[in-house]
Amino acid sequence: MEIPRFDQMMLTSGRSAEEVDRDLRLLLAGKLFERGRVSLGQAAEVAGIALLAMMDELGRMRAAVIDHEPEEHAFDAPRPAG
């Protein structure tokens, strides 16, 4: 996949073309995963990184890696004996 480089973005950010490409791939992969268009593994492939690294990146993006229904978060905590 070819992602165009934005010369102006590189100039203003002071980042190399490789760093900009990496950022754009991560953003694209994260958004595709967040919207349910790709799996976690596919997102990692798009980003060009390992699966666990993709999970870390999604955490930085504050994107949920596991999608639960709200009622799944409610649980009864074990009560202490005695």
C-alpha atoms as a PDB file:
ATOM      1  CA  MET A   1       0.000   0.000   0.000  1.00  0.00           C
ATOM      2  CA  GLU A   2       1.347   3.387  -0.921  1.00  0.00           C
ATOM      3  CA  ILE A   3       0.623   6.285   1.396  1.00  0.00           C
ATOM      4  CA  PRO A   4       1.455   9.693  -0.021  1.00  0.00           C
ATOM      5  CA  ARG A   5       3.952  11.747   1.925  1.00  0.00           C
ATOM      6  CA  PHE A   6       2.966  15.265   2.755  1.00  0.00           C
ATOM      7  CA  ASP A   7       6.013  17.490   2.302  1.00  0.00           C
ATOM      8  CA  GLN A   8       4.452  20.291   4.315  1.00  0.00           C
ATOM      9  CA  MET A   9       3.741  17.912   7.209  1.00  0.00           C
ATOM     10  CA  MET A  10       7.344  16.773   7.225  1.00  0.00           C
ATOM     11  CA  LEU A  11       8.636  20.347   7.102  1.00  0.00           C
ATOM     12  CA  THR A  12       6.468  21.590   9.958  1.00  0.00           C
ATOM     13  CA  SER A  13       6.901  18.494  12.123  1.00  0.00           C
ATOM     14  CA  GLY A  14      10.624  18.079  11.571  1.00  0.00           C
ATOM     15  CA  ARG A  15      10.031  14.357  11.047  1.00  0.00           C
ATOM     16  CA  SER A  16      11.549  12.168   8.368  1.00  0.00           C
ATOM     17  CA  ALA A  17       9.513  10.640   5.552  1.00  0.00           C
ATOM     18  CA  GLU A  18       9.789   7.236   7.258  1.00  0.00           C
ATOM     19  CA  GLU A  19       8.434   8.628  10.547  1.00  0.00           C
ATOM     20  CA  VAL A  20       5.516  10.298   8.776  1.00  0.00           C
ATOM     21  CA  ASP A  21       4.759   7.074   6.875  1.00  0.00           C
ATOM     22  CA  ARG A  22       4.794   5.114  10.147  1.00  0.00           C
ATOM     23  CA  ASP A  23       2.459   7.606  11.834  1.00  0.00           C
ATOM     24  CA  LEU A  24       0.030   7.574   8.911  1.00  0.00           C
ATOM     25  CA  ARG A  25      -0.010   3.771   8.778  1.00  0.00           C
ATOM     26  CA  LEU A  26      -0.677   3.574  12.526  1.00  0.00           C
ATOM     27  CA  LEU A  27      -3.492   6.114  12.298  1.00  0.00           C
ATOM     28  CA  LEU A  28      -5.066   4.332   9.345  1.00  0.00           C
ATOM     29  CA  ALA A  29      -4.758   0.915  10.973  1.00  0.00           C
ATOM     30  CA  GLY A  30      -6.135   2.214  14.265  1.00  0.00           C
ATOM     31  CA  LYS A  31      -9.146   3.865  12.675  1.00  0.00           C
ATOM     32  CA  LEU A  32      -9.924   0.836  10.483  1.00  0.00           C
ATOM     33  CA  PHE A  33      -9.768  -1.415  13.547  1.00  0.00           C
ATOM     34  CA  GLU A  34     -11.837   0.968  15.648  1.00  0.00           C
ATOM     35  CA  ARG A  35     -14.563   1.000  12.976  1.00  0.00           C
ATOM     36  CA  GLY A  36     -14.564  -2.787  12.745  1.00  0.00           C
ATOM     37  CA  ARG A  37     -13.294  -2.845   9.168  1.00  0.00           C
ATOM     38  CA  VAL A  38     -10.220  -4.964   9.939  1.00  0.00           C
ATOM     39  CA  SER A  39      -9.197  -7.435  12.624  1.00  0.00           C
ATOM     40  CA  LEU A  40      -6.449  -6.718  15.112  1.00  0.00           C
ATOM     41  CA  GLY A  41      -4.048  -8.853  13.088  1.00  0.00           C
ATOM     42  CA  GLN A  42      -4.961  -7.063   9.872  1.00  0.00           C
ATOM     43  CA  ALA A  43      -4.485  -3.691  11.579  1.00  0.00           C
ATOM     44  CA  ALA A  44      -1.008  -4.794  12.658  1.00  0.00           C
ATOM     45  CA  GLU A  45      -0.251  -5.754   9.052  1.00  0.00           C
ATOM     46  CA  VAL A  46      -1.432  -2.369   7.757  1.00  0.00           C
ATOM     47  CA  ALA A  47       0.728  -0.636  10.364  1.00  0.00           C
ATOM     48  CA  GLY A  48       3.679  -2.917   9.600  1.00  0.00           C
ATOM     49  CA  ILE A  49       4.173  -3.876  13.253  1.00  0.00           C
ATOM     50  CA  ALA A  50       3.746  -6.925  15.496  1.00  0.00           C
ATOM     51  CA  LEU A  51       0.366  -7.778  16.987  1.00  0.00           C
ATOM     52  CA  LEU A  52       1.363  -6.887  20.560  1.00  0.00           C
ATOM     53  CA  ALA A  53       2.865  -3.603  19.373  1.00  0.00           C
ATOM     54  CA  MET A  54      -0.445  -2.833  17.638  1.00  0.00           C
ATOM     55  CA  MET A  55      -2.290  -3.494  20.879  1.00  0.00           C
ATOM     56  CA  ASP A  56       0.037  -1.026  22.636  1.00  0.00           C
ATOM     57  CA  GLU A  57      -0.525   1.573  19.922  1.00  0.00           C
ATOM     58  CA  LEU A  58      -4.298   1.155  20.148  1.00  0.00           C
ATOM     59  CA  GLY A  59      -4.006   1.731  23.882  1.00  0.00           C
ATOM     60  CA  ARG A  60      -2.117   4.971  23.228  1.00  0.00           C
ATOM     61  CA  MET A  61      -4.887   5.970  20.816  1.00  0.00           C
ATOM     62  CA  ARG A  62      -7.426   5.122  23.536  1.00  0.00           C
ATOM     63  CA  ALA A  63      -9.110   2.667  21.184  1.00  0.00           C
ATOM     64  CA  ALA A  64     -10.654  -0.394  22.791  1.00  0.00           C
ATOM     65  CA  VAL A  65      -8.834  -3.567  21.839  1.00  0.00           C
ATOM     66  CA  ILE A  66     -11.697  -5.738  23.124  1.00  0.00           C
ATOM     67  CA  ASP A  67     -15.230  -4.648  22.381  1.00  0.00           C
ATOM     68  CA  HIS A  68     -17.634  -5.469  25.222  1.00  0.00           C
ATOM     69  CA  GLU A  69     -21.243  -4.581  25.650  1.00  0.00           C
ATOM     70  CA  PRO A  70     -21.809  -2.279  28.661  1.00  0.00           C
ATOM     71  CA  GLU A  71     -23.696  -4.969  30.563  1.00  0.00           C
ATOM     72  CA  GLU A  72     -20.672  -7.265  30.254  1.00  0.00           C
ATOM     73  CA  HIS A  73     -18.674  -4.880  32.452  1.00  0.00           C
ATOM     74  CA  ALA A  74     -21.004  -5.289  35.401  1.00  0.00           C
ATOM     75  CA  PHE A  75     -20.073  -8.187  37.630  1.00  0.00           C
ATOM     76  CA  ASP A  76     -20.444  -9.261  41.196  1.00  0.00           C
ATOM     77  CA  ALA A  77     -17.159  -9.018  43.045  1.00  0.00           C
ATOM     78  CA  PRO A  78     -16.483 -11.890  45.394  1.00  0.00           C
ATOM     79  CA  ARG A  79     -17.428 -11.024  48.957  1.00  0.00           C
ATOM     80  CA  PRO A  80     -14.915 -11.630  51.731  1.00  0.00           C
ATOM     81  CA  ALA A  81     -15.709 -14.582  53.960  1.00  0.00           C
ATOM     82  CA  GLY A  82     -16.719 -13.958  57.550  1.00  0.00           C
END
